[in-house]
Amino acid sequence: MSNDGEDKNLIAYCGLYCGDCFGYKGKVADLARDLRKELRQAKFDRVAEGIPFEEFKHYKECYETLGALVRLRCKNACKGGGGPPFCKMRKCCRKKGIEGCWECDEFETCEKLDFLKPTHGDAHLKNLGNIRKQGVDKFLEGKKYW
């Protein structure tokens, strides 16, 4: 993979790399979509009602969860407007006119990044530190945390 502008655009403002994200890759969404289609064709909602497995009592919720997984597809990387629409980092970086949080002296203590911790731990902070130290090109060549 070359380190051209397209790759740089896959670095989210928060330091996560969109190219590593299941939403951007789309495989989870594709599999969930395909499974929903197979379940509809098999009329599995009826099957679930007729088979006395305890777990099938939750078939409707399972089917709805698969639908939510389909909706997690992210066709555009963060810088293309993808990702969470409520992203505070995107708004902040655009307002400051910076490429990402790594250009901000406050990123290590910024509370806007806290919502990532339950899912990503400190991966974004490690990435931001690496981008700041090494620059974008070296970051793209090296290890990225997710």
N, C-alpha and C. Protein backbone atom coordinates (compact mmCIF):
# COMPACT_ATOMS: atom_id res chain seq x y z
N MET A 1 0.85 -1.18 0.00
CA MET A 1 0.00 0.00 0.00
C MET A 1 0.89 1.24 0.00
N SER A 2 0.60 2.15 -0.87
CA SER A 2 1.40 3.37 -0.93
C SER A 2 0.92 4.34 0.13
N ASN A 3 1.79 5.25 0.52
CA ASN A 3 1.44 6.24 1.51
C ASN A 3 1.06 7.55 0.84
N ASP A 4 0.10 7.48 -0.06
CA ASP A 4 -0.34 8.68 -0.75
C ASP A 4 -1.46 9.37 0.05
N GLY A 5 -2.03 10.39 -0.52
CA GLY A 5 -3.06 11.16 0.17
C GLY A 5 -4.25 10.33 0.60
N GLU A 6 -4.57 9.30 -0.16
CA GLU A 6 -5.71 8.47 0.21
C GLU A 6 -5.48 7.80 1.55
N ASP A 7 -4.30 7.26 1.76
CA ASP A 7 -3.97 6.63 3.03
C ASP A 7 -4.02 7.64 4.17
N LYS A 8 -3.49 8.82 3.94
CA LYS A 8 -3.50 9.86 4.97
C LYS A 8 -4.93 10.22 5.35
N ASN A 9 -5.82 10.16 4.39
CA ASN A 9 -7.23 10.47 4.66
C ASN A 9 -7.91 9.40 5.50
N LEU A 10 -7.26 8.25 5.65
CA LEU A 10 -7.83 7.19 6.49
C LEU A 10 -7.42 7.35 7.95
N ILE A 11 -6.60 8.35 8.25
CA ILE A 11 -6.28 8.64 9.65
C ILE A 11 -7.36 9.58 10.18
N ALA A 12 -8.11 9.08 11.14
CA ALA A 12 -9.17 9.89 11.72
C ALA A 12 -8.56 11.02 12.56
N TYR A 13 -9.34 12.03 12.81
CA TYR A 13 -8.87 13.16 13.61
C TYR A 13 -8.37 12.70 14.98
N CYS A 14 -8.99 11.65 15.51
CA CYS A 14 -8.64 11.16 16.85
C CYS A 14 -7.40 10.27 16.85
N GLY A 15 -6.86 9.94 15.67
CA GLY A 15 -5.68 9.11 15.60
C GLY A 15 -5.95 7.65 15.26
N LEU A 16 -7.20 7.24 15.29
CA LEU A 16 -7.51 5.87 14.87
C LEU A 16 -7.38 5.79 13.35
N TYR A 17 -7.05 4.60 12.86
CA TYR A 17 -6.87 4.42 11.42
C TYR A 17 -8.11 3.74 10.85
N CYS A 18 -8.86 4.48 10.05
CA CYS A 18 -10.13 3.98 9.50
C CYS A 18 -9.95 2.69 8.70
N GLY A 19 -8.79 2.51 8.09
CA GLY A 19 -8.53 1.31 7.31
C GLY A 19 -8.55 0.05 8.15
N ASP A 20 -8.44 0.17 9.47
CA ASP A 20 -8.49 -0.98 10.37
C ASP A 20 -9.89 -1.21 10.96
N CYS A 21 -10.81 -0.36 10.66
CA CYS A 21 -12.14 -0.39 11.28
C CYS A 21 -13.07 -1.36 10.56
N PHE A 22 -13.78 -2.18 11.33
CA PHE A 22 -14.73 -3.13 10.74
C PHE A 22 -15.83 -2.40 9.97
N GLY A 23 -16.19 -1.21 10.42
CA GLY A 23 -17.23 -0.46 9.73
C GLY A 23 -16.78 -0.01 8.35
N TYR A 24 -15.53 0.41 8.25
CA TYR A 24 -15.00 0.86 6.97
C TYR A 24 -14.71 -0.33 6.06
N LYS A 25 -14.18 -1.41 6.62
CA LYS A 25 -13.90 -2.62 5.83
C LYS A 25 -15.19 -3.22 5.27
N GLY A 26 -16.26 -3.18 6.06
CA GLY A 26 -17.57 -3.61 5.59
C GLY A 26 -17.87 -5.10 5.69
N LYS A 27 -16.92 -5.92 6.10
CA LYS A 27 -17.16 -7.36 6.12
C LYS A 27 -18.27 -7.74 7.10
N VAL A 28 -18.26 -7.16 8.29
CA VAL A 28 -19.30 -7.47 9.28
C VAL A 28 -20.67 -7.09 8.73
N ALA A 29 -20.77 -5.91 8.13
CA ALA A 29 -22.04 -5.46 7.55
C ALA A 29 -22.49 -6.38 6.43
N ASP A 30 -21.55 -6.80 5.57
CA ASP A 30 -21.90 -7.70 4.47
C ASP A 30 -22.41 -9.04 4.99
N LEU A 31 -21.71 -9.61 5.98
CA LEU A 31 -22.11 -10.90 6.53
C LEU A 31 -23.47 -10.81 7.21
N ALA A 32 -23.69 -9.73 7.96
CA ALA A 32 -24.98 -9.54 8.63
C ALA A 32 -26.10 -9.38 7.60
N ARG A 33 -25.85 -8.61 6.55
CA ARG A 33 -26.84 -8.44 5.48
C ARG A 33 -27.16 -9.78 4.83
N ASP A 34 -26.12 -10.54 4.50
CA ASP A 34 -26.31 -11.82 3.84
C ASP A 34 -27.05 -12.82 4.73
N LEU A 35 -26.72 -12.83 6.03
CA LEU A 35 -27.41 -13.73 6.95
C LEU A 35 -28.88 -13.35 7.07
N ARG A 36 -29.17 -12.07 7.16
CA ARG A 36 -30.58 -11.63 7.22
C ARG A 36 -31.33 -12.10 5.98
N LYS A 37 -30.69 -11.97 4.82
CA LYS A 37 -31.32 -12.41 3.58
C LYS A 37 -31.60 -13.91 3.61
N GLU A 38 -30.63 -14.70 4.04
CA GLU A 38 -30.81 -16.15 4.12
C GLU A 38 -31.91 -16.50 5.11
N LEU A 39 -31.94 -15.83 6.23
CA LEU A 39 -32.97 -16.09 7.23
C LEU A 39 -34.36 -15.76 6.69
N ARG A 40 -34.49 -14.67 5.93
CA ARG A 40 -35.78 -14.33 5.32
C ARG A 40 -36.19 -15.39 4.31
N GLN A 41 -35.24 -15.78 3.44
CA GLN A 41 -35.56 -16.78 2.42
C GLN A 41 -35.96 -18.12 3.05
N ALA A 42 -35.36 -18.46 4.17
CA ALA A 42 -35.68 -19.71 4.85
C ALA A 42 -36.93 -19.57 5.73
N LYS A 43 -37.51 -18.35 5.76
CA LYS A 43 -38.64 -18.07 6.64
C LYS A 43 -38.34 -18.54 8.06
N PHE A 44 -37.14 -18.19 8.50
CA PHE A 44 -36.65 -18.70 9.77
C PHE A 44 -37.43 -18.17 10.96
N ASP A 45 -38.13 -17.07 10.80
CA ASP A 45 -38.96 -16.59 11.90
C ASP A 45 -40.00 -17.64 12.28
N ARG A 46 -40.55 -18.31 11.29
CA ARG A 46 -41.51 -19.40 11.54
C ARG A 46 -40.80 -20.61 12.16
N VAL A 47 -39.62 -20.92 11.64
CA VAL A 47 -38.86 -22.05 12.16
C VAL A 47 -38.54 -21.82 13.64
N ALA A 48 -38.12 -20.59 13.97
CA ALA A 48 -37.76 -20.26 15.35
C ALA A 48 -38.95 -20.44 16.29
N GLU A 49 -40.15 -20.17 15.80
CA GLU A 49 -41.34 -20.35 16.63
C GLU A 49 -41.65 -21.83 16.88
N GLY A 50 -41.29 -22.67 15.91
CA GLY A 50 -41.66 -24.08 15.99
C GLY A 50 -40.64 -24.99 16.65
N ILE A 51 -39.41 -24.53 16.82
CA ILE A 51 -38.38 -25.36 17.43
C ILE A 51 -38.24 -24.95 18.90
N PRO A 52 -38.33 -25.90 19.78
CA PRO A 52 -38.34 -25.55 21.22
C PRO A 52 -36.96 -25.27 21.82
N PHE A 53 -36.13 -24.51 21.13
CA PHE A 53 -34.85 -24.08 21.70
C PHE A 53 -35.11 -22.79 22.49
N GLU A 54 -34.65 -22.74 23.70
CA GLU A 54 -34.83 -21.57 24.55
C GLU A 54 -34.33 -20.29 23.86
N GLU A 55 -33.20 -20.39 23.18
CA GLU A 55 -32.58 -19.22 22.55
C GLU A 55 -33.44 -18.63 21.43
N PHE A 56 -34.25 -19.44 20.78
CA PHE A 56 -35.07 -18.93 19.68
C PHE A 56 -36.18 -18.00 20.14
N LYS A 57 -36.40 -17.92 21.44
CA LYS A 57 -37.36 -16.95 21.96
C LYS A 57 -36.88 -15.53 21.67
N HIS A 58 -35.58 -15.40 21.42
CA HIS A 58 -34.98 -14.09 21.17
C HIS A 58 -34.65 -13.87 19.69
N TYR A 59 -35.26 -14.66 18.83
CA TYR A 59 -34.95 -14.58 17.40
C TYR A 59 -35.19 -13.17 16.84
N LYS A 60 -36.31 -12.57 17.18
CA LYS A 60 -36.63 -11.24 16.65
C LYS A 60 -35.55 -10.22 17.03
N GLU A 61 -35.10 -10.25 18.28
CA GLU A 61 -34.05 -9.34 18.73
C GLU A 61 -32.74 -9.61 17.99
N CYS A 62 -32.46 -10.89 17.76
CA CYS A 62 -31.25 -11.26 17.02
C CYS A 62 -31.30 -10.69 15.61
N TYR A 63 -32.43 -10.84 14.95
CA TYR A 63 -32.60 -10.35 13.59
C TYR A 63 -32.43 -8.82 13.56
N GLU A 64 -33.00 -8.15 14.55
CA GLU A 64 -32.87 -6.69 14.64
C GLU A 64 -31.42 -6.28 14.89
N THR A 65 -30.71 -7.05 15.70
CA THR A 65 -29.30 -6.77 15.96
C THR A 65 -28.48 -6.91 14.68
N LEU A 66 -28.79 -7.91 13.88
CA LEU A 66 -28.11 -8.06 12.58
C LEU A 66 -28.35 -6.82 11.72
N GLY A 67 -29.57 -6.29 11.76
CA GLY A 67 -29.88 -5.07 11.02
C GLY A 67 -29.04 -3.89 11.49
N ALA A 68 -28.83 -3.81 12.80
CA ALA A 68 -27.99 -2.74 13.34
C ALA A 68 -26.55 -2.90 12.86
N LEU A 69 -26.07 -4.14 12.78
CA LEU A 69 -24.71 -4.38 12.27
C LEU A 69 -24.58 -3.95 10.82
N VAL A 70 -25.63 -4.13 10.03
CA VAL A 70 -25.61 -3.68 8.64
C VAL A 70 -25.46 -2.16 8.60
N ARG A 71 -26.17 -1.48 9.50
CA ARG A 71 -26.13 -0.01 9.52
C ARG A 71 -24.80 0.56 10.02
N LEU A 72 -23.95 -0.28 10.61
CA LEU A 72 -22.65 0.21 11.08
C LEU A 72 -21.64 0.37 9.95
N ARG A 73 -22.04 0.03 8.73
CA ARG A 73 -21.14 0.23 7.58
C ARG A 73 -20.81 1.71 7.47
N CYS A 74 -19.54 1.97 7.24
CA CYS A 74 -19.07 3.35 7.11
C CYS A 74 -18.43 3.46 5.73
N LYS A 75 -19.14 4.04 4.80
CA LYS A 75 -18.63 4.13 3.43
C LYS A 75 -17.55 5.19 3.27
N ASN A 76 -17.59 6.17 4.13
CA ASN A 76 -16.60 7.26 4.09
C ASN A 76 -15.76 7.20 5.34
N ALA A 77 -14.49 7.42 5.20
CA ALA A 77 -13.63 7.51 6.38
C ALA A 77 -14.01 8.76 7.17
N CYS A 78 -13.43 8.89 8.33
CA CYS A 78 -13.74 10.01 9.22
C CYS A 78 -13.63 11.36 8.49
N LYS A 79 -12.55 11.56 7.77
CA LYS A 79 -12.34 12.86 7.13
C LYS A 79 -13.29 13.10 5.97
N GLY A 80 -13.96 12.04 5.52
CA GLY A 80 -14.98 12.16 4.49
C GLY A 80 -16.38 12.29 5.07
N GLY A 81 -16.44 12.45 6.40
CA GLY A 81 -17.73 12.62 7.07
C GLY A 81 -18.28 11.33 7.65
N GLY A 82 -17.53 10.22 7.56
CA GLY A 82 -17.99 8.96 8.12
C GLY A 82 -17.77 8.91 9.62
N GLY A 83 -18.09 7.78 10.20
CA GLY A 83 -17.96 7.64 11.64
C GLY A 83 -19.13 8.28 12.35
N PRO A 84 -19.02 8.41 13.67
CA PRO A 84 -20.15 8.94 14.44
C PRO A 84 -20.48 10.38 14.04
N PRO A 85 -21.74 10.65 13.77
CA PRO A 85 -22.12 12.02 13.39
C PRO A 85 -21.93 13.02 14.52
N PHE A 86 -21.86 12.53 15.76
CA PHE A 86 -21.72 13.41 16.92
C PHE A 86 -20.27 13.66 17.30
N CYS A 87 -19.32 13.26 16.44
CA CYS A 87 -17.89 13.31 16.77
C CYS A 87 -17.44 14.74 17.11
N LYS A 88 -17.04 14.92 18.36
CA LYS A 88 -16.58 16.23 18.83
C LYS A 88 -15.18 16.56 18.31
N MET A 89 -14.35 15.50 18.09
CA MET A 89 -12.99 15.74 17.61
C MET A 89 -13.01 16.32 16.20
N ARG A 90 -13.87 15.78 15.35
CA ARG A 90 -13.98 16.27 13.97
C ARG A 90 -14.33 17.76 13.98
N LYS A 91 -15.35 18.10 14.77
CA LYS A 91 -15.79 19.50 14.84
C LYS A 91 -14.68 20.39 15.39
N CYS A 92 -14.00 19.92 16.42
CA CYS A 92 -12.94 20.71 17.05
C CYS A 92 -11.76 20.92 16.09
N CYS A 93 -11.32 19.84 15.45
CA CYS A 93 -10.18 19.95 14.53
C CYS A 93 -10.50 20.87 13.35
N ARG A 94 -11.70 20.73 12.82
CA ARG A 94 -12.08 21.59 11.70
C ARG A 94 -12.13 23.05 12.14
N LYS A 95 -12.67 23.29 13.33
CA LYS A 95 -12.75 24.65 13.85
C LYS A 95 -11.35 25.24 14.03
N LYS A 96 -10.40 24.41 14.52
CA LYS A 96 -9.02 24.87 14.74
C LYS A 96 -8.19 24.87 13.46
N GLY A 97 -8.73 24.26 12.39
CA GLY A 97 -8.01 24.20 11.12
C GLY A 97 -6.80 23.28 11.17
N ILE A 98 -6.91 22.19 11.93
CA ILE A 98 -5.80 21.24 12.04
C ILE A 98 -6.18 19.89 11.43
N GLU A 99 -5.18 19.12 11.04
CA GLU A 99 -5.39 17.82 10.40
C GLU A 99 -5.86 16.75 11.37
N GLY A 100 -5.50 16.89 12.62
CA GLY A 100 -5.88 15.90 13.62
C GLY A 100 -5.47 16.34 15.01
N CYS A 101 -5.95 15.60 16.00
CA CYS A 101 -5.67 15.96 17.39
C CYS A 101 -4.19 15.97 17.71
N TRP A 102 -3.39 15.23 16.94
CA TRP A 102 -1.94 15.21 17.17
C TRP A 102 -1.30 16.58 17.00
N GLU A 103 -1.98 17.50 16.33
CA GLU A 103 -1.46 18.85 16.15
C GLU A 103 -1.87 19.79 17.30
N CYS A 104 -2.63 19.24 18.23
CA CYS A 104 -3.13 20.04 19.36
C CYS A 104 -2.34 19.68 20.61
N ASP A 105 -1.92 20.69 21.36
CA ASP A 105 -1.13 20.47 22.57
C ASP A 105 -1.96 19.89 23.72
N GLU A 106 -3.28 19.85 23.58
CA GLU A 106 -4.15 19.41 24.66
C GLU A 106 -4.64 17.97 24.50
N PHE A 107 -4.21 17.24 23.46
CA PHE A 107 -4.84 15.95 23.19
C PHE A 107 -4.68 14.94 24.32
N GLU A 108 -3.57 15.00 25.07
CA GLU A 108 -3.34 14.01 26.13
C GLU A 108 -4.32 14.16 27.30
N THR A 109 -4.92 15.32 27.45
CA THR A 109 -5.86 15.55 28.54
C THR A 109 -7.25 15.95 28.04
N CYS A 110 -7.46 15.89 26.75
CA CYS A 110 -8.72 16.35 26.16
C CYS A 110 -9.87 15.39 26.47
N GLU A 111 -10.91 15.92 27.05
CA GLU A 111 -12.07 15.10 27.42
C GLU A 111 -12.91 14.69 26.21
N LYS A 112 -12.73 15.37 25.10
CA LYS A 112 -13.48 15.00 23.89
C LYS A 112 -13.12 13.59 23.44
N LEU A 113 -11.92 13.14 23.77
CA LEU A 113 -11.45 11.81 23.36
C LEU A 113 -11.92 10.70 24.30
N ASP A 114 -12.49 11.06 25.44
CA ASP A 114 -12.86 10.08 26.46
C ASP A 114 -13.88 9.05 25.98
N PHE A 115 -14.76 9.42 25.06
CA PHE A 115 -15.79 8.47 24.64
C PHE A 115 -15.20 7.28 23.89
N LEU A 116 -13.95 7.38 23.45
CA LEU A 116 -13.30 6.27 22.74
C LEU A 116 -12.75 5.22 23.71
N LYS A 117 -12.53 5.58 24.95
CA LYS A 117 -11.87 4.69 25.91
C LYS A 117 -12.59 3.35 26.12
N PRO A 118 -13.91 3.32 26.26
CA PRO A 118 -14.56 2.02 26.48
C PRO A 118 -14.34 1.02 25.34
N THR A 119 -14.24 1.50 24.12
CA THR A 119 -14.06 0.63 22.96
C THR A 119 -12.60 0.44 22.59
N HIS A 120 -11.82 1.50 22.67
CA HIS A 120 -10.45 1.48 22.16
C HIS A 120 -9.37 1.58 23.22
N GLY A 121 -9.75 1.68 24.49
CA GLY A 121 -8.74 1.83 25.53
C GLY A 121 -7.93 3.08 25.29
N ASP A 122 -6.60 2.92 25.22
CA ASP A 122 -5.75 4.09 24.94
C ASP A 122 -5.12 4.01 23.56
N ALA A 123 -5.69 3.19 22.67
CA ALA A 123 -5.13 3.02 21.31
C ALA A 123 -5.01 4.35 20.58
N HIS A 124 -6.05 5.16 20.65
CA HIS A 124 -6.02 6.44 19.95
C HIS A 124 -4.93 7.36 20.51
N LEU A 125 -4.73 7.32 21.81
CA LEU A 125 -3.69 8.16 22.42
C LEU A 125 -2.29 7.69 22.00
N LYS A 126 -2.10 6.37 21.93
CA LYS A 126 -0.81 5.84 21.44
C LYS A 126 -0.58 6.29 20.00
N ASN A 127 -1.61 6.16 19.17
CA ASN A 127 -1.49 6.58 17.77
C ASN A 127 -1.19 8.07 17.67
N LEU A 128 -1.90 8.88 18.43
CA LEU A 128 -1.68 10.33 18.39
C LEU A 128 -0.24 10.68 18.78
N GLY A 129 0.25 10.01 19.83
CA GLY A 129 1.64 10.23 20.24
C GLY A 129 2.63 9.83 19.16
N ASN A 130 2.35 8.69 18.52
CA ASN A 130 3.24 8.23 17.44
C ASN A 130 3.21 9.16 16.24
N ILE A 131 2.05 9.65 15.89
CA ILE A 131 1.94 10.58 14.76
C ILE A 131 2.70 11.87 15.08
N ARG A 132 2.52 12.35 16.30
CA ARG A 132 3.21 13.59 16.70
C ARG A 132 4.72 13.41 16.64
N LYS A 133 5.23 12.27 17.15
CA LYS A 133 6.68 12.02 17.18
C LYS A 133 7.26 11.74 15.80
N GLN A 134 6.57 10.86 15.05
CA GLN A 134 7.14 10.34 13.80
C GLN A 134 6.64 11.03 12.55
N GLY A 135 5.49 11.64 12.63
CA GLY A 135 4.86 12.20 11.44
C GLY A 135 3.90 11.19 10.82
N VAL A 136 3.07 11.67 9.94
CA VAL A 136 2.01 10.86 9.33
C VAL A 136 2.59 9.72 8.49
N ASP A 137 3.59 10.00 7.66
CA ASP A 137 4.13 8.96 6.77
C ASP A 137 4.70 7.78 7.54
N LYS A 138 5.48 8.05 8.57
CA LYS A 138 6.05 6.97 9.39
C LYS A 138 4.95 6.21 10.12
N PHE A 139 3.92 6.94 10.58
CA PHE A 139 2.80 6.28 11.24
C PHE A 139 2.13 5.28 10.29
N LEU A 140 1.92 5.71 9.07
CA LEU A 140 1.27 4.82 8.09
C LEU A 140 2.09 3.56 7.83
N GLU A 141 3.40 3.67 7.93
CA GLU A 141 4.28 2.53 7.69
C GLU A 141 4.36 1.60 8.90
N GLY A 142 4.09 2.13 10.08
CA GLY A 142 4.31 1.37 11.32
C GLY A 142 3.06 0.75 11.91
N LYS A 143 3.21 0.31 13.14
CA LYS A 143 2.11 -0.32 13.88
C LYS A 143 1.05 0.72 14.23
N LYS A 144 -0.17 0.31 14.02
CA LYS A 144 -1.30 1.17 14.37
C LYS A 144 -2.13 0.43 15.42
N TYR A 145 -2.53 1.15 16.44
CA TYR A 145 -3.34 0.54 17.51
C TYR A 145 -4.81 0.76 17.23
N TRP A 146 -5.62 -0.21 17.60
CA TRP A 146 -7.07 -0.12 17.41
C TRP A 146 -7.76 -0.44 18.70
